[in-house]
Amino acid sequence: MSQLGQPVRAGRQQQTTNEYDDGPFTFRPATRDRVKARMSIQGVAGCGKTWTALNVAHGLNAGERFAVIDTERESASLYLGVNGIQFDSCPMHRYDPRDLVKALAQAAAQGYGTVVVDSLSHFWKGVDGTLDQVEKAKSKYGGNSFAGWKDGTPIQNEMIDALLSYPGHVIATMRSHTEWVLQENDRGRKEPVAVGMRAEQRKGVEYEFGVVAEMDIQNRMRFLKSRCPAFHQQVIEKPDGIRDIAKPFLDWLNDGDEAVDPATYVDDAQAEDATADSLLALYREVENRGLLASPLMHPDSGQPTSLGAYIKERGLALKSAQQ
């Protein structure tokens, strides 16, 4: 009778990496570069999110046409032409976060200086949104919803990275979880009022934006967070998006050195004299500037990709050709 040997614990399979995935940590002198707006506006139904977002976009884009990624059944188009506001709309009826990444890449390819996402909430809890993706994924893990987040979290993170890396201004509206509370009106009587609690998006999403504001049913805007000093702890009654928000915002955004246009890096990656080493160095520069996730349309295939993925693809192809 043969004896079984002692059980051996299998080691973890080592993941293959390359020089792009395993870069050094470097420090460089801090600089104050011009930046693009990253603003979110949340609130209950009827508070003025869409109208205010469109006005802010109109001001940020100096009156030029901007892009609207519309999940609200084209409600933004009801305001077209008001106050001279002009924009191009991309209606969406399914809300896979990866589709938002694609739409942002197309907007970048068409050169829109400002994009409004109205609203970001659908990409969380709408049809095919992140919560739906987790629900679909759980079947791969024996019905375990918690394990389904192994698929859902990267999808959500890639969407947020694409928003934050867009080469122009971004304004996102978000619906608020609504509760009805009794408040005293001007006549001293109690009446039910809709009050927004937190945004209908993943908890903590407000940390990703430079300016976060909420609006109430009286069209009052309160700034919950602002890296722009002009909005710190401010409350604005019925804000004029152009005068009250876009103007002071632009003054702050433009206070710094000229920022590098991500399109410049695409040109560098396509250069005839590019080498595997130069593209690796280019990748590191883009990484240091936080632009790896910048959405773009692949120059060759025309498919949505990111700046970092494209440079990496080119660099690895050149390295393979040299071997």
C-alpha atoms as a PDB file:
ATOM      1  CA  MET A   1       0.000   0.000   0.000  1.00  0.00           C
ATOM      2  CA  SER A   2       1.578   3.227  -1.108  1.00  0.00           C
ATOM      3  CA  GLN A   3       1.697   6.210   1.151  1.00  0.00           C
ATOM      4  CA  LEU A   4       0.735   9.648   0.029  1.00  0.00           C
ATOM      5  CA  GLY A   5       3.374  12.285   0.475  1.00  0.00           C
ATOM      6  CA  GLN A   6       2.871  15.347   2.598  1.00  0.00           C
ATOM      7  CA  PRO A   7       0.580  17.919   0.994  1.00  0.00           C
ATOM      8  CA  VAL A   8       2.429  20.751  -0.646  1.00  0.00           C
ATOM      9  CA  ARG A   9       1.009  24.257  -0.622  1.00  0.00           C
ATOM     10  CA  ALA A  10       0.976  25.583  -4.163  1.00  0.00           C
ATOM     11  CA  GLY A  11       2.657  28.927  -4.514  1.00  0.00           C
ATOM     12  CA  ARG A  12       0.911  31.818  -6.148  1.00  0.00           C
ATOM     13  CA  GLN A  13       1.390  32.018  -9.854  1.00  0.00           C
ATOM     14  CA  GLN A  14       3.674  34.922 -10.578  1.00  0.00           C
ATOM     15  CA  GLN A  15       2.236  37.560 -12.819  1.00  0.00           C
ATOM     16  CA  THR A  16       4.268  38.604 -15.781  1.00  0.00           C
ATOM     17  CA  THR A  17       5.196  42.257 -15.817  1.00  0.00           C
ATOM     18  CA  ASN A  18       7.151  44.518 -18.104  1.00  0.00           C
ATOM     19  CA  GLU A  19       8.972  47.790 -17.728  1.00  0.00           C
ATOM     20  CA  TYR A  20       5.768  49.739 -18.311  1.00  0.00           C
ATOM     21  CA  ASP A  21       4.029  48.151 -15.343  1.00  0.00           C
ATOM     22  CA  ASP A  22       6.964  48.355 -12.951  1.00  0.00           C
ATOM     23  CA  GLY A  23       8.284  51.887 -13.130  1.00  0.00           C
ATOM     24  CA  PRO A  24      10.361  53.719 -10.518  1.00  0.00           C
ATOM     25  CA  PHE A  25       8.982  56.273  -8.092  1.00  0.00           C
ATOM     26  CA  THR A  26      10.364  59.708  -8.829  1.00  0.00           C
ATOM     27  CA  PHE A  27      10.117  63.154  -7.290  1.00  0.00           C
ATOM     28  CA  ARG A  28      10.274  66.343  -9.344  1.00  0.00           C
ATOM     29  CA  PRO A  29       9.842  70.028  -8.555  1.00  0.00           C
ATOM     30  CA  ALA A  30       6.194  70.918  -8.038  1.00  0.00           C
ATOM     31  CA  THR A  31       4.680  73.312 -10.575  1.00  0.00           C
ATOM     32  CA  ARG A  32       1.395  75.199 -10.803  1.00  0.00           C
ATOM     33  CA  ASP A  33       0.026  74.379 -14.250  1.00  0.00           C
ATOM     34  CA  ARG A  34      -3.226  75.506 -15.756  1.00  0.00           C
ATOM     35  CA  VAL A  35      -5.866  72.867 -15.175  1.00  0.00           C
ATOM     36  CA  LYS A  36      -9.289  71.942 -16.509  1.00  0.00           C
ATOM     37  CA  ALA A  37     -12.510  72.108 -14.536  1.00  0.00           C
ATOM     38  CA  ARG A  38     -13.725  68.993 -12.768  1.00  0.00           C
ATOM     39  CA  MET A  39     -17.076  69.889 -11.266  1.00  0.00           C
ATOM     40  CA  SER A  40     -20.075  67.919 -10.048  1.00  0.00           C
ATOM     41  CA  ILE A  41     -23.549  69.262  -9.293  1.00  0.00           C
ATOM     42  CA  GLN A  42     -25.948  67.071  -7.335  1.00  0.00           C
ATOM     43  CA  GLY A  43     -29.495  67.577  -6.186  1.00  0.00           C
ATOM     44  CA  VAL A  44     -33.120  66.493  -6.161  1.00  0.00           C
ATOM     45  CA  ALA A  45     -35.437  66.586  -9.154  1.00  0.00           C
ATOM     46  CA  GLY A  46     -36.297  70.133 -10.206  1.00  0.00           C
ATOM     47  CA  CYS A  47     -33.427  71.843  -8.407  1.00  0.00           C
ATOM     48  CA  GLY A  48     -31.788  73.170 -11.593  1.00  0.00           C
ATOM     49  CA  LYS A  49     -28.839  70.803 -12.061  1.00  0.00           C
ATOM     50  CA  THR A  50     -29.047  70.542 -15.847  1.00  0.00           C
ATOM     51  CA  TRP A  51     -29.722  74.232 -16.493  1.00  0.00           C
ATOM     52  CA  THR A  52     -26.893  75.318 -14.200  1.00  0.00           C
ATOM     53  CA  ALA A  53     -24.461  72.781 -15.684  1.00  0.00           C
ATOM     54  CA  LEU A  54     -25.232  74.009 -19.212  1.00  0.00           C
ATOM     55  CA  ASN A  55     -24.679  77.632 -18.212  1.00  0.00           C
ATOM     56  CA  VAL A  56     -21.381  76.821 -16.512  1.00  0.00           C
ATOM     57  CA  ALA A  57     -20.258  74.871 -19.584  1.00  0.00           C
ATOM     58  CA  HIS A  58     -21.266  77.770 -21.839  1.00  0.00           C
ATOM     59  CA  GLY A  59     -19.122  80.110 -19.768  1.00  0.00           C
ATOM     60  CA  LEU A  60     -16.141  77.772 -19.466  1.00  0.00           C
ATOM     61  CA  ASN A  61     -16.165  77.184 -23.216  1.00  0.00           C
ATOM     62  CA  ALA A  62     -16.284  80.918 -24.018  1.00  0.00           C
ATOM     63  CA  GLY A  63     -19.635  80.615 -25.771  1.00  0.00           C
ATOM     64  CA  GLU A  64     -18.441  77.920 -28.190  1.00  0.00           C
ATOM     65  CA  ARG A  65     -20.321  74.667 -28.800  1.00  0.00           C
ATOM     66  CA  PHE A  66     -19.657  72.000 -26.215  1.00  0.00           C
ATOM     67  CA  ALA A  67     -20.674  68.349 -25.811  1.00  0.00           C
ATOM     68  CA  VAL A  68     -23.448  66.885 -23.681  1.00  0.00           C
ATOM     69  CA  ILE A  69     -23.559  63.166 -22.887  1.00  0.00           C
ATOM     70  CA  ASP A  70     -27.275  62.907 -22.137  1.00  0.00           C
ATOM     71  CA  THR A  71     -28.841  60.081 -20.112  1.00  0.00           C
ATOM     72  CA  GLU A  72     -31.901  62.136 -19.145  1.00  0.00           C
ATOM     73  CA  ARG A  73     -33.963  61.474 -22.284  1.00  0.00           C
ATOM     74  CA  GLU A  74     -32.502  64.550 -23.990  1.00  0.00           C
ATOM     75  CA  SER A  75     -33.896  66.952 -21.402  1.00  0.00           C
ATOM     76  CA  ALA A  76     -30.831  69.175 -21.887  1.00  0.00           C
ATOM     77  CA  SER A  77     -31.968  69.901 -25.438  1.00  0.00           C
ATOM     78  CA  LEU A  78     -34.984  71.770 -24.037  1.00  0.00           C
ATOM     79  CA  TYR A  79     -32.568  74.574 -23.134  1.00  0.00           C
ATOM     80  CA  LEU A  80     -30.833  74.748 -26.514  1.00  0.00           C
ATOM     81  CA  GLY A  81     -30.510  78.341 -27.679  1.00  0.00           C
ATOM     82  CA  VAL A  82     -31.538  79.901 -24.359  1.00  0.00           C
ATOM     83  CA  ASN A  83     -29.001  82.618 -23.484  1.00  0.00           C
ATOM     84  CA  GLY A  84     -27.186  81.664 -26.681  1.00  0.00           C
ATOM     85  CA  ILE A  85     -26.259  78.201 -25.369  1.00  0.00           C
ATOM     86  CA  GLN A  86     -25.251  75.846 -28.199  1.00  0.00           C
ATOM     87  CA  PHE A  87     -24.078  72.262 -27.824  1.00  0.00           C
ATOM     88  CA  ASP A  88     -23.965  68.874 -29.525  1.00  0.00           C
ATOM     89  CA  SER A  89     -25.735  66.023 -27.778  1.00  0.00           C
ATOM     90  CA  CYS A  90     -24.938  62.322 -27.514  1.00  0.00           C
ATOM     91  CA  PRO A  91     -28.093  60.610 -26.148  1.00  0.00           C
ATOM     92  CA  MET A  92     -27.443  57.363 -24.298  1.00  0.00           C
ATOM     93  CA  HIS A  93     -29.981  54.683 -23.459  1.00  0.00           C
ATOM     94  CA  ARG A  94     -27.758  52.065 -21.830  1.00  0.00           C
ATOM     95  CA  TYR A  95     -25.332  52.993 -19.163  1.00  0.00           C
ATOM     96  CA  ASP A  96     -22.381  50.630 -19.177  1.00  0.00           C
ATOM     97  CA  PRO A  97     -19.531  52.737 -17.701  1.00  0.00           C
ATOM     98  CA  ARG A  98     -17.340  51.511 -20.556  1.00  0.00           C
ATOM     99  CA  ASP A  99     -19.716  53.247 -22.970  1.00  0.00           C
ATOM    100  CA  LEU A 100     -19.098  56.523 -21.178  1.00  0.00           C
ATOM    101  CA  VAL A 101     -15.363  55.970 -21.659  1.00  0.00           C
ATOM    102  CA  LYS A 102     -16.007  55.476 -25.384  1.00  0.00           C
ATOM    103  CA  ALA A 103     -18.165  58.591 -25.591  1.00  0.00           C
ATOM    104  CA  LEU A 104     -15.467  60.650 -23.864  1.00  0.00           C
ATOM    105  CA  ALA A 105     -12.872  59.317 -26.309  1.00  0.00           C
ATOM    106  CA  GLN A 106     -15.076  60.381 -29.221  1.00  0.00           C
ATOM    107  CA  ALA A 107     -15.636  63.816 -27.677  1.00  0.00           C
ATOM    108  CA  ALA A 108     -11.882  64.246 -27.272  1.00  0.00           C
ATOM    109  CA  ALA A 109     -11.309  63.188 -30.892  1.00  0.00           C
ATOM    110  CA  GLN A 110     -13.815  65.806 -32.068  1.00  0.00           C
ATOM    111  CA  GLY A 111     -12.073  68.471 -30.015  1.00  0.00           C
ATOM    112  CA  TYR A 112     -14.813  69.513 -27.600  1.00  0.00           C
ATOM    113  CA  GLY A 113     -13.315  71.839 -24.995  1.00  0.00           C
ATOM    114  CA  THR A 114     -16.039  71.084 -22.461  1.00  0.00           C
ATOM    115  CA  VAL A 115     -18.186  68.018 -21.778  1.00  0.00           C
ATOM    116  CA  VAL A 116     -21.303  67.845 -19.622  1.00  0.00           C
ATOM    117  CA  VAL A 117     -22.372  64.405 -18.354  1.00  0.00           C
ATOM    118  CA  ASP A 118     -26.059  64.633 -17.463  1.00  0.00           C
ATOM    119  CA  SER A 119     -26.211  62.534 -15.427  1.00  0.00           C
ATOM    120  CA  LEU A 120     -23.463  60.391 -13.953  1.00  0.00           C
ATOM    121  CA  SER A 121     -25.966  58.596 -11.707  1.00  0.00           C
ATOM    122  CA  HIS A 122     -27.238  56.390 -14.534  1.00  0.00           C
ATOM    123  CA  PHE A 123     -23.789  54.863 -14.966  1.00  0.00           C
ATOM    124  CA  TRP A 124     -24.046  53.679 -11.387  1.00  0.00           C
ATOM    125  CA  LYS A 125     -27.590  52.355 -10.995  1.00  0.00           C
ATOM    126  CA  GLY A 126     -29.142  52.509 -14.468  1.00  0.00           C
ATOM    127  CA  VAL A 127     -29.489  49.725 -17.032  1.00  0.00           C
ATOM    128  CA  ASP A 128     -26.040  48.117 -17.498  1.00  0.00           C
ATOM    129  CA  GLY A 129     -24.557  50.522 -14.923  1.00  0.00           C
ATOM    130  CA  THR A 130     -21.932  49.459 -12.413  1.00  0.00           C
ATOM    131  CA  LEU A 131     -24.462  47.843 -10.069  1.00  0.00           C
ATOM    132  CA  ASP A 132     -25.866  45.844 -13.003  1.00  0.00           C
ATOM    133  CA  GLN A 133     -22.345  44.777 -13.970  1.00  0.00           C
ATOM    134  CA  VAL A 134     -21.766  43.458 -10.449  1.00  0.00           C
ATOM    135  CA  GLU A 135     -25.091  41.609 -10.536  1.00  0.00           C
ATOM    136  CA  LYS A 136     -24.189  39.969 -13.850  1.00  0.00           C
ATOM    137  CA  ALA A 137     -20.691  39.063 -12.684  1.00  0.00           C
ATOM    138  CA  LYS A 138     -21.768  37.318  -9.491  1.00  0.00           C
ATOM    139  CA  SER A 139     -22.859  34.228 -11.442  1.00  0.00           C
ATOM    140  CA  LYS A 140     -19.163  33.577 -12.147  1.00  0.00           C
ATOM    141  CA  TYR A 141     -18.553  33.434  -8.409  1.00  0.00           C
ATOM    142  CA  GLY A 142     -21.332  31.134  -7.280  1.00  0.00           C
ATOM    143  CA  GLY A 143     -23.863  33.927  -6.844  1.00  0.00           C
ATOM    144  CA  ASN A 144     -21.586  35.880  -4.511  1.00  0.00           C
ATOM    145  CA  SER A 145     -22.396  39.582  -5.037  1.00  0.00           C
ATOM    146  CA  PHE A 146     -19.380  40.669  -3.017  1.00  0.00           C
ATOM    147  CA  ALA A 147     -17.096  38.718  -5.344  1.00  0.00           C
ATOM    148  CA  GLY A 148     -18.873  40.335  -8.290  1.00  0.00           C
ATOM    149  CA  TRP A 149     -17.148  43.578  -7.359  1.00  0.00           C
ATOM    150  CA  LYS A 150     -13.916  42.035  -8.651  1.00  0.00           C
ATOM    151  CA  ASP A 151     -15.366  42.798 -12.082  1.00  0.00           C
ATOM    152  CA  GLY A 152     -17.406  45.873 -11.195  1.00  0.00           C
ATOM    153  CA  THR A 153     -14.733  47.907  -9.427  1.00  0.00           C
ATOM    154  CA  PRO A 154     -12.241  48.053 -12.342  1.00  0.00           C
ATOM    155  CA  ILE A 155     -15.056  49.122 -14.696  1.00  0.00           C
ATOM    156  CA  GLN A 156     -16.106  51.890 -12.308  1.00  0.00           C
ATOM    157  CA  ASN A 157     -12.507  53.026 -11.753  1.00  0.00           C
ATOM    158  CA  GLU A 158     -11.746  53.174 -15.482  1.00  0.00           C
ATOM    159  CA  MET A 159     -14.798  55.386 -15.998  1.00  0.00           C
ATOM    160  CA  ILE A 160     -13.729  57.806 -13.258  1.00  0.00           C
ATOM    161  CA  ASP A 161     -10.159  57.863 -14.608  1.00  0.00           C
ATOM    162  CA  ALA A 162     -11.460  58.727 -18.077  1.00  0.00           C
ATOM    163  CA  LEU A 163     -13.568  61.579 -16.681  1.00  0.00           C
ATOM    164  CA  LEU A 164     -10.686  63.035 -14.710  1.00  0.00           C
ATOM    165  CA  SER A 165      -8.228  62.659 -17.598  1.00  0.00           C
ATOM    166  CA  TYR A 166     -10.421  64.245 -20.271  1.00  0.00           C
ATOM    167  CA  PRO A 167      -8.386  66.939 -22.093  1.00  0.00           C
ATOM    168  CA  GLY A 168     -11.066  69.606 -21.529  1.00  0.00           C
ATOM    169  CA  HIS A 169     -13.461  70.779 -18.829  1.00  0.00           C
ATOM    170  CA  VAL A 170     -15.884  68.229 -17.334  1.00  0.00           C
ATOM    171  CA  ILE A 171     -19.131  68.951 -15.489  1.00  0.00           C
ATOM    172  CA  ALA A 172     -21.142  66.007 -14.190  1.00  0.00           C
ATOM    173  CA  THR A 173     -24.613  66.178 -12.687  1.00  0.00           C
ATOM    174  CA  MET A 174     -25.775  63.575 -10.213  1.00  0.00           C
ATOM    175  CA  ARG A 175     -29.156  62.794  -8.768  1.00  0.00           C
ATOM    176  CA  SER A 176     -29.476  62.863  -4.990  1.00  0.00           C
ATOM    177  CA  HIS A 177     -31.115  60.314  -2.741  1.00  0.00           C
ATOM    178  CA  THR A 178     -34.277  62.156  -1.716  1.00  0.00           C
ATOM    179  CA  GLU A 179     -36.006  62.301   1.648  1.00  0.00           C
ATOM    180  CA  TRP A 180     -39.113  64.274   2.526  1.00  0.00           C
ATOM    181  CA  VAL A 181     -38.913  66.322   5.710  1.00  0.00           C
ATOM    182  CA  LEU A 182     -41.273  68.817   7.332  1.00  0.00           C
ATOM    183  CA  GLN A 183     -39.976  72.376   7.244  1.00  0.00           C
ATOM    184  CA  GLU A 184     -41.562  75.633   8.303  1.00  0.00           C
ATOM    185  CA  ASN A 185     -42.579  77.854   5.372  1.00  0.00           C
ATOM    186  CA  ASP A 186     -42.831  81.665   5.177  1.00  0.00           C
ATOM    187  CA  ARG A 187     -46.297  81.555   6.742  1.00  0.00           C
ATOM    188  CA  GLY A 188     -45.056  79.618   9.760  1.00  0.00           C
ATOM    189  CA  ARG A 189     -46.700  76.378   8.693  1.00  0.00           C
ATOM    190  CA  LYS A 190     -45.053  72.992   8.324  1.00  0.00           C
ATOM    191  CA  GLU A 191     -44.863  71.613   4.806  1.00  0.00           C
ATOM    192  CA  PRO A 192     -43.110  68.593   3.248  1.00  0.00           C
ATOM    193  CA  VAL A 193     -39.930  69.501   1.364  1.00  0.00           C
ATOM    194  CA  ALA A 194     -37.720  67.230  -0.762  1.00  0.00           C
ATOM    195  CA  VAL A 195     -34.198  67.215   0.644  1.00  0.00           C
ATOM    196  CA  GLY A 196     -31.216  65.676  -1.127  1.00  0.00           C
ATOM    197  CA  MET A 197     -29.037  63.434   0.994  1.00  0.00           C
ATOM    198  CA  ARG A 198     -26.065  62.002  -0.917  1.00  0.00           C
ATOM    199  CA  ALA A 199     -25.349  61.593  -4.603  1.00  0.00           C
ATOM    200  CA  GLU A 200     -26.607  58.516  -6.434  1.00  0.00           C
ATOM    201  CA  GLN A 201     -23.155  57.273  -7.320  1.00  0.00           C
ATOM    202  CA  ARG A 202     -20.535  55.190  -5.601  1.00  0.00           C
ATOM    203  CA  LYS A 203     -19.905  56.392  -2.072  1.00  0.00           C
ATOM    204  CA  GLY A 204     -16.997  58.833  -1.970  1.00  0.00           C
ATOM    205  CA  VAL A 205     -17.236  59.901  -5.623  1.00  0.00           C
ATOM    206  CA  GLU A 206     -17.198  63.539  -4.479  1.00  0.00           C
ATOM    207  CA  TYR A 207     -13.514  63.177  -3.600  1.00  0.00           C
ATOM    208  CA  GLU A 208     -12.705  62.830  -7.298  1.00  0.00           C
ATOM    209  CA  PHE A 209     -13.923  66.302  -8.327  1.00  0.00           C
ATOM    210  CA  GLY A 210     -12.222  69.621  -7.709  1.00  0.00           C
ATOM    211  CA  VAL A 211     -15.515  71.417  -7.060  1.00  0.00           C
ATOM    212  CA  VAL A 212     -18.625  69.729  -5.643  1.00  0.00           C
ATOM    213  CA  ALA A 213     -21.922  71.565  -5.264  1.00  0.00           C
ATOM    214  CA  GLU A 214     -25.443  70.605  -4.293  1.00  0.00           C
ATOM    215  CA  MET A 215     -28.680  72.359  -5.202  1.00  0.00           C
ATOM    216  CA  ASP A 216     -32.021  72.354  -3.392  1.00  0.00           C
ATOM    217  CA  ILE A 217     -35.566  72.745  -4.603  1.00  0.00           C
ATOM    218  CA  GLN A 218     -35.318  76.542  -4.182  1.00  0.00           C
ATOM    219  CA  ASN A 219     -32.477  76.552  -6.745  1.00  0.00           C
ATOM    220  CA  ARG A 220     -30.000  77.427  -4.011  1.00  0.00           C
ATOM    221  CA  MET A 221     -26.441  76.167  -4.608  1.00  0.00           C
ATOM    222  CA  ARG A 222     -24.200  75.199  -1.729  1.00  0.00           C
ATOM    223  CA  PHE A 223     -20.576  74.261  -2.299  1.00  0.00           C
ATOM    224  CA  LEU A 224     -19.678  71.114  -0.388  1.00  0.00           C
ATOM    225  CA  LYS A 225     -16.060  71.124  -1.503  1.00  0.00           C
ATOM    226  CA  SER A 226     -13.904  73.427  -3.570  1.00  0.00           C
ATOM    227  CA  ARG A 227     -10.247  73.579  -4.420  1.00  0.00           C
ATOM    228  CA  CYS A 228     -11.056  76.936  -6.004  1.00  0.00           C
ATOM    229  CA  PRO A 229     -10.933  79.476  -3.134  1.00  0.00           C
ATOM    230  CA  ALA A 230     -13.704  81.615  -4.648  1.00  0.00           C
ATOM    231  CA  PHE A 231     -16.307  78.916  -3.860  1.00  0.00           C
ATOM    232  CA  HIS A 232     -15.127  77.806  -0.425  1.00  0.00           C
ATOM    233  CA  GLN A 233     -18.173  77.385   1.834  1.00  0.00           C
ATOM    234  CA  GLN A 234     -20.223  79.640  -0.455  1.00  0.00           C
ATOM    235  CA  VAL A 235     -24.000  79.574  -0.886  1.00  0.00           C
ATOM    236  CA  ILE A 236     -25.486  81.190  -4.003  1.00  0.00           C
ATOM    237  CA  GLU A 237     -29.182  81.885  -4.471  1.00  0.00           C
ATOM    238  CA  LYS A 238     -30.335  81.005  -8.003  1.00  0.00           C
ATOM    239  CA  PRO A 239     -26.805  81.043  -9.427  1.00  0.00           C
ATOM    240  CA  ASP A 240     -26.004  82.469 -12.840  1.00  0.00           C
ATOM    241  CA  GLY A 241     -23.716  79.732 -14.125  1.00  0.00           C
ATOM    242  CA  ILE A 242     -21.778  82.069 -16.409  1.00  0.00           C
ATOM    243  CA  ARG A 243     -21.297  85.045 -14.089  1.00  0.00           C
ATOM    244  CA  ASP A 244     -21.252  83.396 -10.661  1.00  0.00           C
ATOM    245  CA  ILE A 245     -19.400  80.177 -11.445  1.00  0.00           C
ATOM    246  CA  ALA A 246     -17.641  80.025 -14.827  1.00  0.00           C
ATOM    247  CA  LYS A 247     -15.980  83.453 -14.557  1.00  0.00           C
ATOM    248  CA  PRO A 248     -14.289  83.047 -11.136  1.00  0.00           C
ATOM    249  CA  PHE A 249     -13.599  79.388 -11.906  1.00  0.00           C
ATOM    250  CA  LEU A 250     -11.728  80.243 -15.118  1.00  0.00           C
ATOM    251  CA  ASP A 251      -9.714  82.937 -13.354  1.00  0.00           C
ATOM    252  CA  TRP A 252      -8.431  80.291 -10.971  1.00  0.00           C
ATOM    253  CA  LEU A 253      -8.038  77.475 -13.527  1.00  0.00           C
ATOM    254  CA  ASN A 254      -5.922  79.654 -15.827  1.00  0.00           C
ATOM    255  CA  ASP A 255      -3.607  80.892 -13.094  1.00  0.00           C
ATOM    256  CA  GLY A 256      -0.486  78.888 -13.891  1.00  0.00           C
ATOM    257  CA  ASP A 257       1.879  77.681 -16.580  1.00  0.00           C
ATOM    258  CA  GLU A 258       0.497  76.470 -19.898  1.00  0.00           C
ATOM    259  CA  ALA A 259      -0.491  72.811 -19.578  1.00  0.00           C
ATOM    260  CA  VAL A 260       0.656  70.230 -22.106  1.00  0.00           C
ATOM    261  CA  ASP A 261      -1.947  69.195 -24.676  1.00  0.00           C
ATOM    262  CA  PRO A 262      -2.330  65.374 -24.559  1.00  0.00           C
ATOM    263  CA  ALA A 263      -2.482  65.405 -28.376  1.00  0.00           C
ATOM    264  CA  THR A 264       1.203  66.375 -28.318  1.00  0.00           C
ATOM    265  CA  TYR A 265       2.019  63.046 -26.720  1.00  0.00           C
ATOM    266  CA  VAL A 266       0.107  61.198 -29.429  1.00  0.00           C
ATOM    267  CA  ASP A 267       2.229  62.972 -32.053  1.00  0.00           C
ATOM    268  CA  ASP A 268       5.394  62.031 -30.158  1.00  0.00           C
ATOM    269  CA  ALA A 269       4.301  58.397 -29.997  1.00  0.00           C
ATOM    270  CA  GLN A 270       3.693  58.368 -33.758  1.00  0.00           C
ATOM    271  CA  ALA A 271       7.002  60.026 -34.645  1.00  0.00           C
ATOM    272  CA  GLU A 272       9.035  58.176 -37.272  1.00  0.00           C
ATOM    273  CA  ASP A 273      12.171  58.386 -35.133  1.00  0.00           C
ATOM    274  CA  ALA A 274      10.445  56.981 -32.031  1.00  0.00           C
ATOM    275  CA  THR A 275      12.215  54.059 -30.369  1.00  0.00           C
ATOM    276  CA  ALA A 276      11.275  51.571 -27.697  1.00  0.00           C
ATOM    277  CA  ASP A 277      13.353  53.514 -25.177  1.00  0.00           C
ATOM    278  CA  SER A 278      11.946  56.920 -26.151  1.00  0.00           C
ATOM    279  CA  LEU A 279       8.388  55.626 -25.879  1.00  0.00           C
ATOM    280  CA  LEU A 280       9.079  54.186 -22.429  1.00  0.00           C
ATOM    281  CA  ALA A 281      10.418  57.602 -21.379  1.00  0.00           C
ATOM    282  CA  LEU A 282       7.332  59.231 -22.931  1.00  0.00           C
ATOM    283  CA  TYR A 283       5.090  56.846 -21.001  1.00  0.00           C
ATOM    284  CA  ARG A 284       6.822  57.814 -17.759  1.00  0.00           C
ATOM    285  CA  GLU A 285       6.329  61.513 -18.485  1.00  0.00           C
ATOM    286  CA  VAL A 286       2.639  60.985 -19.214  1.00  0.00           C
ATOM    287  CA  GLU A 287       2.356  58.900 -16.051  1.00  0.00           C
ATOM    288  CA  ASN A 288       3.944  61.648 -13.952  1.00  0.00           C
ATOM    289  CA  ARG A 289       1.429  64.138 -15.335  1.00  0.00           C
ATOM    290  CA  GLY A 290      -1.486  61.846 -14.483  1.00  0.00           C
ATOM    291  CA  LEU A 291      -2.590  61.537 -18.114  1.00  0.00           C
ATOM    292  CA  LEU A 292      -2.339  57.787 -18.736  1.00  0.00           C
ATOM    293  CA  ALA A 293      -6.134  57.396 -18.685  1.00  0.00           C
ATOM    294  CA  SER A 294      -6.787  60.297 -21.102  1.00  0.00           C
ATOM    295  CA  PRO A 295      -9.462  58.963 -23.481  1.00  0.00           C
ATOM    296  CA  LEU A 296      -8.738  59.006 -27.204  1.00  0.00           C
ATOM    297  CA  MET A 297      -9.621  57.217 -30.417  1.00  0.00           C
ATOM    298  CA  HIS A 298      -6.873  54.859 -31.554  1.00  0.00           C
ATOM    299  CA  PRO A 299      -5.097  56.559 -34.498  1.00  0.00           C
ATOM    300  CA  ASP A 300      -4.942  53.281 -36.445  1.00  0.00           C
ATOM    301  CA  SER A 301      -8.014  51.254 -35.481  1.00  0.00           C
ATOM    302  CA  GLY A 302     -10.356  54.135 -34.665  1.00  0.00           C
ATOM    303  CA  GLN A 303     -11.421  52.298 -31.497  1.00  0.00           C
ATOM    304  CA  PRO A 304     -11.604  53.952 -28.068  1.00  0.00           C
ATOM    305  CA  THR A 305      -8.457  53.592 -25.997  1.00  0.00           C
ATOM    306  CA  SER A 306      -6.366  55.634 -23.578  1.00  0.00           C
ATOM    307  CA  LEU A 307      -3.213  57.655 -24.050  1.00  0.00           C
ATOM    308  CA  GLY A 308      -1.189  55.359 -21.811  1.00  0.00           C
ATOM    309  CA  ALA A 309      -2.445  52.201 -23.529  1.00  0.00           C
ATOM    310  CA  TYR A 310      -1.576  53.596 -26.951  1.00  0.00           C
ATOM    311  CA  ILE A 311       1.963  54.626 -26.004  1.00  0.00           C
ATOM    312  CA  LYS A 312       2.525  51.265 -24.320  1.00  0.00           C
ATOM    313  CA  GLU A 313       1.230  49.391 -27.375  1.00  0.00           C
ATOM    314  CA  ARG A 314       3.553  51.344 -29.674  1.00  0.00           C
ATOM    315  CA  GLY A 315       6.530  50.881 -27.381  1.00  0.00           C
ATOM    316  CA  LEU A 316       6.091  47.140 -26.971  1.00  0.00           C
ATOM    317  CA  ALA A 317       5.587  46.739 -30.732  1.00  0.00           C
ATOM    318  CA  LEU A 318       8.858  48.555 -31.453  1.00  0.00           C
ATOM    319  CA  LYS A 319      10.677  46.522 -28.825  1.00  0.00           C
ATOM    320  CA  SER A 320       9.340  43.284 -30.314  1.00  0.00           C
ATOM    321  CA  ALA A 321      10.448  44.381 -33.791  1.00  0.00           C
ATOM    322  CA  GLN A 322      13.973  44.951 -32.510  1.00  0.00           C
ATOM    323  CA  GLN A 323      14.307  41.429 -31.125  1.00  0.00           C
END
